[in-house]
Amino acid sequence: MLNSLPQLNAVLNAASAGLLAFGYFQIRRRNVRRHRLAMIGAFASSVLFLVGYLTNHAVHGIIRYAGTGWRRPVYFSILGTHTILAMVIVPMVMRTLYLASRARFDEHRGLARWTLPLWFYVSVTGVIIYEMLY
C-alpha cells in the first residue's frame, strides 16, 4: 500500500486539476452549485494529496531524480516552480475559499483570478514531476 502512494498522489493531483477546470467552466456557465462542488472536490483531493505526500516522504525519504542530459534541467525547473508555487498557493486557496464561504463574491472573484491558474499549474506539474521521477 505504501509503495503505491506516489501513484495515488499523481491521481489526486490529476483529479484536482480536472475538478479545477470543470469548476471554472461551470462558473463561466453561471452554474454556482456545480462550481462550488467542483472546488470543494479540488480542495479535498489536494488535502488528500498533501497527506499522501507527507506520508510517502516520512516512510521513503527523498527520492533522487536519476535522469540525465536535457531532461535534468527541465525536471529541476519544473520542480522548482512547482515547489515555490505549492507553498504560495496554500494561503491563497484558503483565503479564496473563505471569501466564497462568507459570500464576499467580489473579493472572491478577484483573488480567484490568481488562485485558479496557480493552483492548476501546481496540480498539473505535480503529475509531470511524478511521470518524470518514476
Protein backbone atom coordinates (compact mmCIF):
# COMPACT_ATOMS: atom_id res chain seq x y z
CA MET A 1 0.00 0.00 0.00
CA LEU A 2 2.69 2.49 0.98
CA ASN A 3 4.60 1.74 -2.23
CA SER A 4 1.59 2.88 -4.27
CA LEU A 5 1.41 6.32 -2.59
CA PRO A 6 3.28 8.10 -5.41
CA GLN A 7 0.77 6.79 -7.97
CA LEU A 8 -2.14 7.71 -5.74
CA ASN A 9 -0.67 11.18 -5.26
CA ALA A 10 -0.40 11.63 -9.03
CA VAL A 11 -4.03 10.58 -9.42
CA LEU A 12 -5.08 13.03 -6.71
CA ASN A 13 -3.18 15.84 -8.43
CA ALA A 14 -4.80 14.96 -11.76
CA ALA A 15 -8.22 14.85 -10.10
CA SER A 16 -7.62 18.26 -8.57
CA ALA A 17 -6.63 19.70 -11.96
CA GLY A 18 -9.68 18.16 -13.61
CA LEU A 19 -12.02 19.45 -10.92
CA LEU A 20 -10.49 22.93 -11.13
CA ALA A 21 -11.05 23.02 -14.89
CA PHE A 22 -14.60 21.68 -14.50
CA GLY A 23 -15.33 24.23 -11.76
CA TYR A 24 -14.03 27.07 -13.90
CA PHE A 25 -16.23 26.10 -16.83
CA GLN A 26 -19.23 25.73 -14.53
CA ILE A 27 -18.89 29.21 -13.08
CA ARG A 28 -18.47 30.60 -16.60
CA ARG A 29 -21.86 28.98 -17.31
CA ARG A 30 -23.18 30.53 -14.09
CA ASN A 31 -23.79 27.12 -12.53
CA VAL A 32 -22.81 28.09 -8.99
CA ARG A 33 -23.84 24.77 -7.41
CA ARG A 34 -21.62 22.67 -9.70
CA HIS A 35 -18.80 25.21 -9.39
CA ARG A 36 -18.95 25.01 -5.60
CA LEU A 37 -18.97 21.19 -5.62
CA ALA A 38 -16.05 21.06 -8.03
CA MET A 39 -13.97 23.47 -5.97
CA ILE A 40 -14.72 21.58 -2.75
CA GLY A 41 -13.70 18.39 -4.57
CA ALA A 42 -10.48 20.02 -5.81
CA PHE A 43 -9.70 21.17 -2.28
CA ALA A 44 -10.43 17.71 -0.83
CA SER A 45 -8.23 15.96 -3.41
CA SER A 46 -5.44 18.47 -2.73
CA VAL A 47 -5.67 17.87 1.02
CA LEU A 48 -5.61 14.09 0.46
CA PHE A 49 -2.60 14.58 -1.83
CA LEU A 50 -0.77 16.51 0.90
CA VAL A 51 -1.44 13.77 3.45
CA GLY A 52 -0.19 11.13 0.99
CA TYR A 53 2.83 13.21 0.02
CA LEU A 54 3.90 13.77 3.64
CA THR A 55 3.29 10.10 4.47
CA ASN A 56 5.31 8.96 1.48
CA HIS A 57 8.25 11.18 2.41
CA ALA A 58 8.08 10.11 6.05
CA VAL A 59 8.27 6.45 5.00
CA HIS A 60 10.56 6.56 1.95
CA GLY A 61 12.52 9.79 2.38
CA ILE A 62 13.57 11.88 -0.59
CA ILE A 63 13.63 10.20 -3.99
CA ARG A 64 16.53 11.48 -6.10
CA TYR A 65 15.99 12.27 -9.77
CA ALA A 66 18.13 9.91 -11.86
CA GLY A 67 17.58 11.49 -15.28
CA THR A 68 20.46 12.86 -17.31
CA GLY A 69 21.01 15.13 -20.28
CA TRP A 70 18.49 17.81 -21.22
CA ARG A 71 15.79 16.20 -19.04
CA ARG A 72 17.65 17.02 -15.84
CA PRO A 73 17.45 20.85 -16.06
CA VAL A 74 13.87 20.57 -17.34
CA TYR A 75 12.92 18.43 -14.34
CA PHE A 76 14.53 20.79 -11.82
CA SER A 77 12.98 23.85 -13.48
CA ILE A 78 9.54 22.30 -13.18
CA LEU A 79 10.24 21.07 -9.65
CA GLY A 80 11.49 24.48 -8.53
CA THR A 81 8.48 26.43 -9.81
CA HIS A 82 6.12 23.73 -8.56
CA THR A 83 7.63 23.76 -5.05
CA ILE A 84 7.59 27.54 -4.70
CA LEU A 85 4.05 27.89 -6.02
CA ALA A 86 2.84 24.95 -3.90
CA MET A 87 3.84 26.94 -0.82
CA VAL A 88 2.38 30.20 -2.13
CA ILE A 89 -0.92 28.64 -3.20
CA VAL A 90 -1.96 27.25 0.20
CA PRO A 91 -2.88 30.58 1.83
CA MET A 92 -4.35 31.79 -1.47
CA VAL A 93 -6.66 28.75 -1.68
CA MET A 94 -7.65 29.10 1.96
CA ARG A 95 -8.45 32.80 1.53
CA THR A 96 -10.34 32.23 -1.73
CA LEU A 97 -12.49 29.53 -0.13
CA TYR A 98 -13.03 31.67 2.95
CA LEU A 99 -14.26 34.61 0.87
CA ALA A 100 -16.69 32.36 -1.01
CA SER A 101 -17.97 30.85 2.25
CA ARG A 102 -18.72 34.35 3.55
CA ALA A 103 -20.49 35.33 0.30
CA ARG A 104 -17.88 38.02 -0.36
CA PHE A 105 -18.04 37.22 -4.05
CA ASP A 106 -16.41 40.36 -5.46
CA GLU A 107 -13.31 39.75 -3.35
CA HIS A 108 -13.53 36.01 -4.04
CA ARG A 109 -13.63 36.58 -7.78
CA GLY A 110 -10.68 38.99 -7.67
CA LEU A 111 -8.46 36.57 -5.76
CA ALA A 112 -9.70 33.50 -7.65
CA ARG A 113 -8.40 35.04 -10.90
CA TRP A 114 -4.91 34.50 -9.49
CA THR A 115 -5.55 31.42 -7.37
CA LEU A 116 -7.09 29.24 -10.06
CA PRO A 117 -4.27 29.31 -12.63
CA LEU A 118 -1.58 28.91 -9.97
CA TRP A 119 -3.43 26.02 -8.29
CA PHE A 120 -3.99 24.41 -11.70
CA TYR A 121 -0.28 24.78 -12.52
CA VAL A 122 0.73 23.17 -9.23
CA SER A 123 -1.68 20.26 -9.78
CA VAL A 124 -0.58 19.62 -13.38
CA THR A 125 3.14 19.95 -12.64
CA GLY A 126 2.68 17.53 -9.75
CA VAL A 127 1.61 14.90 -12.28
CA ILE A 128 4.51 15.81 -14.60
CA ILE A 129 7.00 15.52 -11.74
CA TYR A 130 5.63 12.08 -10.87
CA GLU A 131 5.93 10.96 -14.51
CA MET A 132 9.50 12.21 -14.76
CA LEU A 133 10.58 10.86 -11.38
CA TYR A 134 9.05 7.39 -11.61
